[in-house]
């Protein structure tokens, strides 16, 4: 699938910001055999005094901005053309057992960006929680195929939790969303990751986009028109990382465009940084992901 993606992020400040230093993670990633970024453009208002581009440990694209003129709003607009090729899902019943994957992840010597070791441990936004681990354990007997178990957990979250924008904050920890059984895509992804890590299974956080308009006859996915979040579960050395979307109870496919991958939201936040100002701000985000006719 070929997509044109537009995202506009606007900060409106009640008191002018004197100086700002921001880091953006708004460039979709290239992933061999799955996702290719054909073009990407960034527009800023007001213009930045300095712009630098680079990448982080996980290969996510970074843009550092310095704004030195006082401003009462900041508009960040990106436009991308991305080609996504769906990777066939392995036969779930043929994947390695839960115990085998747990042992492989915990004895892995590779510490590169795609290594399972980075998805094993609690992180800043996803501490371990005994209640979530116990709830997750039901789907993960030791001898069950790992992807079969992961798909069941994904469906359980979709069935048991209510998608309710505004019910949580970006800082809401997984245990609060779990106790309330409601939240948004970030909460569902973090609950799933928390449970998997509590069982010693590697899992990581993915941010990205969903197709805005579904194919004819298909239901619109929850989380379109904004940035989305899902999970990648490590299914052993042969299969590697598999994307699972607990908000919609579907494997990540060619409707999912990856922006960034990390241990939790703190690694992939679209905008981060420091401003010198006082007062409040209002954030507005708009996303369009439009299929391109070939």
C-alpha atoms as a PDB file:
ATOM      1  CA  UNK A   1       0.000   0.000   0.000  1.00  0.00           C
ATOM      2  CA  UNK A   2       1.136   3.509  -0.846  1.00  0.00           C
ATOM      3  CA  UNK A   3       0.088   6.301   1.529  1.00  0.00           C
ATOM      4  CA  UNK A   4       0.251  10.075   1.726  1.00  0.00           C
ATOM      5  CA  UNK A   5       0.412  11.074   5.396  1.00  0.00           C
ATOM      6  CA  UNK A   6      -0.194  14.548   6.799  1.00  0.00           C
ATOM      7  CA  UNK A   7       0.190  15.442  10.455  1.00  0.00           C
ATOM      8  CA  UNK A   8      -0.279  18.875  11.996  1.00  0.00           C
ATOM      9  CA  UNK A   9       0.630  19.441  15.642  1.00  0.00           C
ATOM     10  CA  UNK A  10      -0.121  22.849  17.141  1.00  0.00           C
ATOM     11  CA  UNK A  11       0.845  24.219  20.558  1.00  0.00           C
ATOM     12  CA  UNK A  12      -0.961  27.388  21.670  1.00  0.00           C
ATOM     13  CA  UNK A  13       0.628  29.111  24.680  1.00  0.00           C
ATOM     14  CA  UNK A  14      -1.144  31.450  27.094  1.00  0.00           C
ATOM     15  CA  UNK A  15       2.172  33.243  27.706  1.00  0.00           C
ATOM     16  CA  UNK A  16       4.784  33.678  24.931  1.00  0.00           C
ATOM     17  CA  UNK A  17       7.631  31.168  24.963  1.00  0.00           C
ATOM     18  CA  UNK A  18      11.000  32.914  24.940  1.00  0.00           C
ATOM     19  CA  UNK A  19      13.228  29.987  23.934  1.00  0.00           C
ATOM     20  CA  UNK A  20      12.464  26.354  23.041  1.00  0.00           C
ATOM     21  CA  UNK A  21      14.618  23.304  22.375  1.00  0.00           C
ATOM     22  CA  UNK A  22      12.564  20.424  20.975  1.00  0.00           C
ATOM     23  CA  UNK A  23      13.199  16.956  19.623  1.00  0.00           C
ATOM     24  CA  UNK A  24      10.732  15.500  17.109  1.00  0.00           C
ATOM     25  CA  UNK A  25      10.076  11.862  16.262  1.00  0.00           C
ATOM     26  CA  UNK A  26       7.796  12.451  13.292  1.00  0.00           C
ATOM     27  CA  UNK A  27       9.682  10.787  10.454  1.00  0.00           C
ATOM     28  CA  UNK A  28       8.384   7.304   9.556  1.00  0.00           C
ATOM     29  CA  UNK A  29      11.102   4.664   9.713  1.00  0.00           C
ATOM     30  CA  UNK A  30      12.465   2.575   6.872  1.00  0.00           C
ATOM     31  CA  UNK A  31      12.179  -1.140   7.614  1.00  0.00           C
ATOM     32  CA  UNK A  32      13.596  -3.547   5.057  1.00  0.00           C
ATOM     33  CA  UNK A  33      10.897  -5.651   3.428  1.00  0.00           C
ATOM     34  CA  UNK A  34       8.050  -3.875   5.237  1.00  0.00           C
ATOM     35  CA  UNK A  35       8.153  -0.080   5.014  1.00  0.00           C
ATOM     36  CA  UNK A  36       9.888   2.370   2.670  1.00  0.00           C
ATOM     37  CA  UNK A  37       9.822   6.157   3.107  1.00  0.00           C
ATOM     38  CA  UNK A  38       9.718   7.690  -0.368  1.00  0.00           C
ATOM     39  CA  UNK A  39       9.526  11.341   0.719  1.00  0.00           C
ATOM     40  CA  UNK A  40       9.242  13.368   3.921  1.00  0.00           C
ATOM     41  CA  UNK A  41       8.882  17.109   4.505  1.00  0.00           C
ATOM     42  CA  UNK A  42       8.766  19.212   7.676  1.00  0.00           C
ATOM     43  CA  UNK A  43       7.321  22.733   7.956  1.00  0.00           C
ATOM     44  CA  UNK A  44       7.527  24.909  11.065  1.00  0.00           C
ATOM     45  CA  UNK A  45       5.847  28.120  12.109  1.00  0.00           C
ATOM     46  CA  UNK A  46       7.618  30.090  13.434  1.00  0.00           C
ATOM     47  CA  UNK A  47      10.819  29.024  11.694  1.00  0.00           C
ATOM     48  CA  UNK A  48      13.556  27.447  13.809  1.00  0.00           C
ATOM     49  CA  UNK A  49      16.891  29.169  14.379  1.00  0.00           C
ATOM     50  CA  UNK A  50      18.632  25.775  14.188  1.00  0.00           C
ATOM     51  CA  UNK A  51      17.593  22.367  12.845  1.00  0.00           C
ATOM     52  CA  UNK A  52      19.578  19.136  13.147  1.00  0.00           C
ATOM     53  CA  UNK A  53      18.671  15.646  11.933  1.00  0.00           C
ATOM     54  CA  UNK A  54      19.818  12.277  13.215  1.00  0.00           C
ATOM     55  CA  UNK A  55      18.626   8.987  14.657  1.00  0.00           C
ATOM     56  CA  UNK A  56      18.524   7.261  18.027  1.00  0.00           C
ATOM     57  CA  UNK A  57      19.740   3.830  19.152  1.00  0.00           C
ATOM     58  CA  UNK A  58      16.624   2.087  17.799  1.00  0.00           C
ATOM     59  CA  UNK A  59      16.946   3.747  14.390  1.00  0.00           C
ATOM     60  CA  UNK A  60      14.096   6.214  14.901  1.00  0.00           C
ATOM     61  CA  UNK A  61      14.441   9.465  12.980  1.00  0.00           C
ATOM     62  CA  UNK A  62      15.092  12.521  15.185  1.00  0.00           C
ATOM     63  CA  UNK A  63      14.885  16.239  14.426  1.00  0.00           C
ATOM     64  CA  UNK A  64      16.250  18.736  16.957  1.00  0.00           C
ATOM     65  CA  UNK A  65      14.836  22.282  16.843  1.00  0.00           C
ATOM     66  CA  UNK A  66      15.959  25.476  18.528  1.00  0.00           C
ATOM     67  CA  UNK A  67      13.531  28.433  18.534  1.00  0.00           C
ATOM     68  CA  UNK A  68      15.028  31.651  19.846  1.00  0.00           C
ATOM     69  CA  UNK A  69      12.300  34.207  19.060  1.00  0.00           C
ATOM     70  CA  UNK A  70       9.334  34.707  21.410  1.00  0.00           C
ATOM     71  CA  UNK A  71       6.247  32.873  20.117  1.00  0.00           C
ATOM     72  CA  UNK A  72       2.724  32.221  21.393  1.00  0.00           C
ATOM     73  CA  UNK A  73       2.127  29.224  19.151  1.00  0.00           C
ATOM     74  CA  UNK A  74       4.143  26.519  17.428  1.00  0.00           C
ATOM     75  CA  UNK A  75       2.816  24.631  14.412  1.00  0.00           C
ATOM     76  CA  UNK A  76       4.649  21.512  13.248  1.00  0.00           C
ATOM     77  CA  UNK A  77       3.456  20.075   9.938  1.00  0.00           C
ATOM     78  CA  UNK A  78       4.809  16.941   8.296  1.00  0.00           C
ATOM     79  CA  UNK A  79       4.020  15.329   4.958  1.00  0.00           C
ATOM     80  CA  UNK A  80       5.227  11.866   4.027  1.00  0.00           C
ATOM     81  CA  UNK A  81       4.767   9.351   1.247  1.00  0.00           C
ATOM     82  CA  UNK A  82       5.312   5.826   2.530  1.00  0.00           C
ATOM     83  CA  UNK A  83       5.011   2.410   0.918  1.00  0.00           C
ATOM     84  CA  UNK A  84       3.974  -0.418   3.263  1.00  0.00           C
ATOM     85  CA  UNK A  85       4.198  -4.092   2.382  1.00  0.00           C
ATOM     86  CA  UNK A  86       2.334  -6.453   4.681  1.00  0.00           C
ATOM     87  CA  UNK A  87       4.501  -9.288   5.987  1.00  0.00           C
ATOM     88  CA  UNK A  88       2.605 -12.605   6.049  1.00  0.00           C
ATOM     89  CA  UNK A  89       1.797 -13.661   9.601  1.00  0.00           C
ATOM     90  CA  UNK A  90       3.491 -16.921  10.616  1.00  0.00           C
ATOM     91  CA  UNK A  91       1.216 -19.833  11.432  1.00  0.00           C
ATOM     92  CA  UNK A  92       0.558 -19.125  15.141  1.00  0.00           C
ATOM     93  CA  UNK A  93       0.435 -22.798  16.165  1.00  0.00           C
ATOM     94  CA  UNK A  94       3.812 -23.420  14.492  1.00  0.00           C
ATOM     95  CA  UNK A  95       5.743 -20.778  16.479  1.00  0.00           C
ATOM     96  CA  UNK A  96       8.043 -21.679  19.380  1.00  0.00           C
ATOM     97  CA  UNK A  97       6.628 -22.358  22.816  1.00  0.00           C
ATOM     98  CA  UNK A  98       6.339 -19.701  25.499  1.00  0.00           C
ATOM     99  CA  UNK A  99       9.066 -21.387  27.548  1.00  0.00           C
ATOM    100  CA  UNK A 100      11.429 -21.637  24.562  1.00  0.00           C
ATOM    101  CA  UNK A 101      11.003 -17.959  23.685  1.00  0.00           C
ATOM    102  CA  UNK A 102      11.452 -16.924  27.325  1.00  0.00           C
ATOM    103  CA  UNK A 103      14.685 -18.924  27.563  1.00  0.00           C
ATOM    104  CA  UNK A 104      15.980 -17.597  24.231  1.00  0.00           C
ATOM    105  CA  UNK A 105      15.315 -13.983  25.191  1.00  0.00           C
ATOM    106  CA  UNK A 106      16.960 -14.314  28.588  1.00  0.00           C
ATOM    107  CA  UNK A 107      20.103 -15.938  27.150  1.00  0.00           C
ATOM    108  CA  UNK A 108      20.482 -13.618  24.143  1.00  0.00           C
ATOM    109  CA  UNK A 109      23.974 -12.089  23.779  1.00  0.00           C
ATOM    110  CA  UNK A 110      23.118  -9.615  21.016  1.00  0.00           C
ATOM    111  CA  UNK A 111      22.507  -6.095  22.376  1.00  0.00           C
ATOM    112  CA  UNK A 112      21.843  -4.388  19.020  1.00  0.00           C
ATOM    113  CA  UNK A 113      18.743  -2.295  18.279  1.00  0.00           C
ATOM    114  CA  UNK A 114      16.522  -5.279  17.351  1.00  0.00           C
ATOM    115  CA  UNK A 115      17.668  -7.472  20.238  1.00  0.00           C
ATOM    116  CA  UNK A 116      14.943  -8.887  22.524  1.00  0.00           C
ATOM    117  CA  UNK A 117      16.891  -7.847  25.624  1.00  0.00           C
ATOM    118  CA  UNK A 118      15.629  -4.261  25.323  1.00  0.00           C
ATOM    119  CA  UNK A 119      12.050  -5.476  25.649  1.00  0.00           C
ATOM    120  CA  UNK A 120      12.578  -7.660  28.698  1.00  0.00           C
ATOM    121  CA  UNK A 121      12.891  -5.211  31.559  1.00  0.00           C
ATOM    122  CA  UNK A 122      10.601  -2.660  33.236  1.00  0.00           C
ATOM    123  CA  UNK A 123      11.049   0.854  31.886  1.00  0.00           C
ATOM    124  CA  UNK A 124      10.217   4.411  32.905  1.00  0.00           C
ATOM    125  CA  UNK A 125       6.585   4.360  31.770  1.00  0.00           C
ATOM    126  CA  UNK A 126       5.968   0.609  32.124  1.00  0.00           C
ATOM    127  CA  UNK A 127       6.894  -0.722  35.583  1.00  0.00           C
ATOM    128  CA  UNK A 128       5.973  -4.317  36.355  1.00  0.00           C
ATOM    129  CA  UNK A 129       2.659  -4.990  38.115  1.00  0.00           C
ATOM    130  CA  UNK A 130       1.727  -8.263  39.826  1.00  0.00           C
ATOM    131  CA  UNK A 131      -2.001  -7.992  39.032  1.00  0.00           C
ATOM    132  CA  UNK A 132      -1.370  -7.455  35.310  1.00  0.00           C
ATOM    133  CA  UNK A 133       1.161 -10.296  35.227  1.00  0.00           C
ATOM    134  CA  UNK A 134      -1.294 -12.677  36.879  1.00  0.00           C
ATOM    135  CA  UNK A 135      -4.087 -11.667  34.483  1.00  0.00           C
ATOM    136  CA  UNK A 136      -1.770 -12.167  31.487  1.00  0.00           C
ATOM    137  CA  UNK A 137      -0.516 -15.563  32.691  1.00  0.00           C
ATOM    138  CA  UNK A 138      -3.867 -17.191  31.831  1.00  0.00           C
ATOM    139  CA  UNK A 139      -3.024 -17.008  28.108  1.00  0.00           C
ATOM    140  CA  UNK A 140       0.579 -18.175  28.445  1.00  0.00           C
ATOM    141  CA  UNK A 141       1.005 -21.786  29.643  1.00  0.00           C
ATOM    142  CA  UNK A 142       4.636 -22.832  29.218  1.00  0.00           C
ATOM    143  CA  UNK A 143       4.115 -25.188  26.283  1.00  0.00           C
ATOM    144  CA  UNK A 144       1.729 -23.008  24.257  1.00  0.00           C
ATOM    145  CA  UNK A 145       2.948 -21.526  20.923  1.00  0.00           C
ATOM    146  CA  UNK A 146       4.016 -17.942  21.637  1.00  0.00           C
ATOM    147  CA  UNK A 147       2.131 -16.214  18.819  1.00  0.00           C
ATOM    148  CA  UNK A 148      -1.048 -18.151  19.572  1.00  0.00           C
ATOM    149  CA  UNK A 149      -0.818 -16.900  23.163  1.00  0.00           C
ATOM    150  CA  UNK A 150      -0.037 -13.335  22.080  1.00  0.00           C
ATOM    151  CA  UNK A 151      -3.061 -13.218  19.774  1.00  0.00           C
ATOM    152  CA  UNK A 152      -5.318 -14.418  22.581  1.00  0.00           C
ATOM    153  CA  UNK A 153      -4.017 -11.728  24.943  1.00  0.00           C
ATOM    154  CA  UNK A 154      -4.568  -9.088  22.254  1.00  0.00           C
ATOM    155  CA  UNK A 155      -8.209 -10.197  21.882  1.00  0.00           C
ATOM    156  CA  UNK A 156      -8.744 -10.286  25.656  1.00  0.00           C
ATOM    157  CA  UNK A 157      -7.677  -6.649  25.948  1.00  0.00           C
ATOM    158  CA  UNK A 158     -10.011  -5.650  23.119  1.00  0.00           C
ATOM    159  CA  UNK A 159     -12.914  -7.571  24.718  1.00  0.00           C
ATOM    160  CA  UNK A 160     -12.354  -6.538  28.348  1.00  0.00           C
ATOM    161  CA  UNK A 161     -11.364  -2.865  27.987  1.00  0.00           C
ATOM    162  CA  UNK A 162     -13.379   0.160  26.836  1.00  0.00           C
ATOM    163  CA  UNK A 163     -11.817   2.542  24.301  1.00  0.00           C
ATOM    164  CA  UNK A 164     -12.624   5.953  25.803  1.00  0.00           C
ATOM    165  CA  UNK A 165     -10.617   9.026  24.733  1.00  0.00           C
ATOM    166  CA  UNK A 166     -10.170  11.436  27.636  1.00  0.00           C
ATOM    167  CA  UNK A 167     -10.420   8.769  30.316  1.00  0.00           C
ATOM    168  CA  UNK A 168      -6.629   8.719  30.819  1.00  0.00           C
ATOM    169  CA  UNK A 169      -3.658  11.042  30.442  1.00  0.00           C
ATOM    170  CA  UNK A 170      -0.393  10.504  28.570  1.00  0.00           C
ATOM    171  CA  UNK A 171       1.194   9.978  32.013  1.00  0.00           C
ATOM    172  CA  UNK A 172      -1.353   7.394  33.247  1.00  0.00           C
ATOM    173  CA  UNK A 173       0.570   4.267  34.399  1.00  0.00           C
ATOM    174  CA  UNK A 174      -0.521   0.821  33.151  1.00  0.00           C
ATOM    175  CA  UNK A 175      -1.881  -0.324  36.518  1.00  0.00           C
ATOM    176  CA  UNK A 176      -4.414   2.533  36.607  1.00  0.00           C
ATOM    177  CA  UNK A 177      -5.689   1.820  33.095  1.00  0.00           C
ATOM    178  CA  UNK A 178      -5.836  -1.883  33.956  1.00  0.00           C
ATOM    179  CA  UNK A 179      -7.844  -1.264  37.126  1.00  0.00           C
ATOM    180  CA  UNK A 180     -10.287   1.019  35.271  1.00  0.00           C
ATOM    181  CA  UNK A 181     -10.467  -1.324  32.241  1.00  0.00           C
ATOM    182  CA  UNK A 182     -10.589   1.713  29.957  1.00  0.00           C
ATOM    183  CA  UNK A 183      -8.275   4.059  28.119  1.00  0.00           C
ATOM    184  CA  UNK A 184      -6.834   4.624  24.640  1.00  0.00           C
ATOM    185  CA  UNK A 185      -4.342   2.862  22.402  1.00  0.00           C
ATOM    186  CA  UNK A 186      -1.336   3.934  24.502  1.00  0.00           C
ATOM    187  CA  UNK A 187      -2.899   2.422  27.624  1.00  0.00           C
ATOM    188  CA  UNK A 188      -3.807  -0.862  25.943  1.00  0.00           C
ATOM    189  CA  UNK A 189      -0.309  -1.217  24.475  1.00  0.00           C
ATOM    190  CA  UNK A 190       1.345  -0.488  27.822  1.00  0.00           C
ATOM    191  CA  UNK A 191      -0.896  -2.921  29.719  1.00  0.00           C
ATOM    192  CA  UNK A 192      -0.054  -5.656  27.197  1.00  0.00           C
ATOM    193  CA  UNK A 193       3.671  -4.930  27.362  1.00  0.00           C
ATOM    194  CA  UNK A 194       3.574  -4.851  31.168  1.00  0.00           C
ATOM    195  CA  UNK A 195       1.960  -8.287  31.297  1.00  0.00           C
ATOM    196  CA  UNK A 196       4.371  -9.819  28.786  1.00  0.00           C
ATOM    197  CA  UNK A 197       7.464  -8.463  30.536  1.00  0.00           C
ATOM    198  CA  UNK A 198       6.130  -9.683  33.853  1.00  0.00           C
ATOM    199  CA  UNK A 199       6.250 -13.191  32.357  1.00  0.00           C
ATOM    200  CA  UNK A 200       9.820 -12.714  31.110  1.00  0.00           C
ATOM    201  CA  UNK A 201       8.748 -12.283  27.462  1.00  0.00           C
ATOM    202  CA  UNK A 202      10.236  -9.505  25.291  1.00  0.00           C
ATOM    203  CA  UNK A 203       7.795  -6.815  24.150  1.00  0.00           C
ATOM    204  CA  UNK A 204       8.243  -3.267  22.895  1.00  0.00           C
ATOM    205  CA  UNK A 205       6.150  -0.175  22.147  1.00  0.00           C
ATOM    206  CA  UNK A 206       5.393   1.048  18.617  1.00  0.00           C
ATOM    207  CA  UNK A 207       4.012   4.449  17.653  1.00  0.00           C
ATOM    208  CA  UNK A 208       2.643   5.213  14.226  1.00  0.00           C
ATOM    209  CA  UNK A 209      -0.419   5.833  12.125  1.00  0.00           C
ATOM    210  CA  UNK A 210      -3.507   3.971  10.949  1.00  0.00           C
ATOM    211  CA  UNK A 211      -5.184   4.292   7.579  1.00  0.00           C
ATOM    212  CA  UNK A 212      -7.850   7.006   7.920  1.00  0.00           C
ATOM    213  CA  UNK A 213     -10.510   5.574   5.588  1.00  0.00           C
ATOM    214  CA  UNK A 214     -10.961   1.781   5.681  1.00  0.00           C
ATOM    215  CA  UNK A 215     -11.277  -0.357   2.549  1.00  0.00           C
ATOM    216  CA  UNK A 216     -14.843  -0.673   1.267  1.00  0.00           C
ATOM    217  CA  UNK A 217     -16.936  -2.927   3.459  1.00  0.00           C
ATOM    218  CA  UNK A 218     -14.510  -2.920   6.393  1.00  0.00           C
ATOM    219  CA  UNK A 219     -14.946  -1.265   9.788  1.00  0.00           C
ATOM    220  CA  UNK A 220     -12.996   1.878  10.620  1.00  0.00           C
ATOM    221  CA  UNK A 221     -10.168   1.151  13.067  1.00  0.00           C
ATOM    222  CA  UNK A 222     -10.081   2.756  16.520  1.00  0.00           C
ATOM    223  CA  UNK A 223      -7.234   5.268  16.741  1.00  0.00           C
ATOM    224  CA  UNK A 224      -7.363   6.656  13.198  1.00  0.00           C
ATOM    225  CA  UNK A 225      -7.084  10.473  12.786  1.00  0.00           C
ATOM    226  CA  UNK A 226      -4.357  10.593  15.457  1.00  0.00           C
ATOM    227  CA  UNK A 227      -1.082   8.911  16.205  1.00  0.00           C
ATOM    228  CA  UNK A 228      -1.613   5.279  17.177  1.00  0.00           C
ATOM    229  CA  UNK A 229       0.209   2.768  19.391  1.00  0.00           C
ATOM    230  CA  UNK A 230       0.579  -0.994  19.340  1.00  0.00           C
ATOM    231  CA  UNK A 231       2.913  -3.761  20.550  1.00  0.00           C
ATOM    232  CA  UNK A 232       5.662  -5.868  19.041  1.00  0.00           C
ATOM    233  CA  UNK A 233       6.091  -9.293  20.646  1.00  0.00           C
ATOM    234  CA  UNK A 234       9.365 -11.173  20.131  1.00  0.00           C
ATOM    235  CA  UNK A 235       8.507 -14.689  18.952  1.00  0.00           C
ATOM    236  CA  UNK A 236      11.977 -16.242  18.897  1.00  0.00           C
ATOM    237  CA  UNK A 237      15.114 -15.883  16.797  1.00  0.00           C
ATOM    238  CA  UNK A 238      13.571 -17.319  13.635  1.00  0.00           C
ATOM    239  CA  UNK A 239      10.320 -15.336  13.603  1.00  0.00           C
ATOM    240  CA  UNK A 240      11.521 -12.166  15.366  1.00  0.00           C
ATOM    241  CA  UNK A 241       9.203  -9.267  16.231  1.00  0.00           C
ATOM    242  CA  UNK A 242       5.489  -9.474  15.372  1.00  0.00           C
ATOM    243  CA  UNK A 243       3.193  -6.441  15.613  1.00  0.00           C
ATOM    244  CA  UNK A 244      -0.073  -6.872  17.548  1.00  0.00           C
ATOM    245  CA  UNK A 245      -2.687  -4.122  17.911  1.00  0.00           C
ATOM    246  CA  UNK A 246      -4.746  -4.698  21.099  1.00  0.00           C
ATOM    247  CA  UNK A 247      -6.925  -1.630  20.464  1.00  0.00           C
ATOM    248  CA  UNK A 248      -8.376  -3.246  17.341  1.00  0.00           C
ATOM    249  CA  UNK A 249      -7.529  -6.916  18.036  1.00  0.00           C
ATOM    250  CA  UNK A 250      -5.645  -7.351  14.759  1.00  0.00           C
ATOM    251  CA  UNK A 251      -2.038  -8.088  13.836  1.00  0.00           C
ATOM    252  CA  UNK A 252      -0.238  -4.997  12.515  1.00  0.00           C
ATOM    253  CA  UNK A 253      -0.515  -5.082   8.728  1.00  0.00           C
ATOM    254  CA  UNK A 254      -0.438  -2.743   5.776  1.00  0.00           C
ATOM    255  CA  UNK A 255      -2.899  -0.387   7.523  1.00  0.00           C
ATOM    256  CA  UNK A 256      -0.219   0.320  10.170  1.00  0.00           C
ATOM    257  CA  UNK A 257       2.589   2.804   9.400  1.00  0.00           C
ATOM    258  CA  UNK A 258       5.485   2.803  11.882  1.00  0.00           C
ATOM    259  CA  UNK A 259       6.845   6.097  13.212  1.00  0.00           C
ATOM    260  CA  UNK A 260       9.106   4.884  16.022  1.00  0.00           C
ATOM    261  CA  UNK A 261       9.877   1.864  18.205  1.00  0.00           C
ATOM    262  CA  UNK A 262      11.108   1.829  21.811  1.00  0.00           C
ATOM    263  CA  UNK A 263      10.744   0.442  25.304  1.00  0.00           C
ATOM    264  CA  UNK A 264       7.733   2.658  26.096  1.00  0.00           C
ATOM    265  CA  UNK A 265       6.109   5.954  25.169  1.00  0.00           C
ATOM    266  CA  UNK A 266       9.021   7.940  26.602  1.00  0.00           C
ATOM    267  CA  UNK A 267      11.258   6.527  23.832  1.00  0.00           C
ATOM    268  CA  UNK A 268       8.872   7.427  21.004  1.00  0.00           C
ATOM    269  CA  UNK A 269       7.038  10.623  22.043  1.00  0.00           C
ATOM    270  CA  UNK A 270       6.414  12.655  18.843  1.00  0.00           C
ATOM    271  CA  UNK A 271       7.480  15.923  20.527  1.00  0.00           C
ATOM    272  CA  UNK A 272       9.734  16.294  23.542  1.00  0.00           C
ATOM    273  CA  UNK A 273      11.987  18.986  24.897  1.00  0.00           C
ATOM    274  CA  UNK A 274      12.271  22.113  27.050  1.00  0.00           C
ATOM    275  CA  UNK A 275      10.640  25.544  26.808  1.00  0.00           C
ATOM    276  CA  UNK A 276      11.361  28.700  28.773  1.00  0.00           C
ATOM    277  CA  UNK A 277       7.947  30.108  29.653  1.00  0.00           C
ATOM    278  CA  UNK A 278       5.193  30.181  32.258  1.00  0.00           C
ATOM    279  CA  UNK A 279       1.511  29.514  31.896  1.00  0.00           C
ATOM    280  CA  UNK A 280      -0.576  26.838  30.202  1.00  0.00           C
ATOM    281  CA  UNK A 281      -0.650  25.458  26.681  1.00  0.00           C
ATOM    282  CA  UNK A 282      -3.225  23.772  24.456  1.00  0.00           C
ATOM    283  CA  UNK A 283      -2.215  20.910  22.159  1.00  0.00           C
ATOM    284  CA  UNK A 284      -4.083  19.991  18.967  1.00  0.00           C
ATOM    285  CA  UNK A 285      -3.119  17.119  16.655  1.00  0.00           C
ATOM    286  CA  UNK A 286      -4.603  16.193  13.287  1.00  0.00           C
ATOM    287  CA  UNK A 287      -3.615  13.210  11.128  1.00  0.00           C
ATOM    288  CA  UNK A 288      -4.705  12.074   7.669  1.00  0.00           C
ATOM    289  CA  UNK A 289      -3.457   8.791   6.179  1.00  0.00           C
ATOM    290  CA  UNK A 290      -4.721   8.539   2.604  1.00  0.00           C
ATOM    291  CA  UNK A 291      -4.122   5.595   0.230  1.00  0.00           C
ATOM    292  CA  UNK A 292      -2.613   6.639  -3.099  1.00  0.00           C
ATOM    293  CA  UNK A 293      -3.998   5.148  -6.298  1.00  0.00           C
ATOM    294  CA  UNK A 294      -1.211   3.728  -8.435  1.00  0.00           C
END
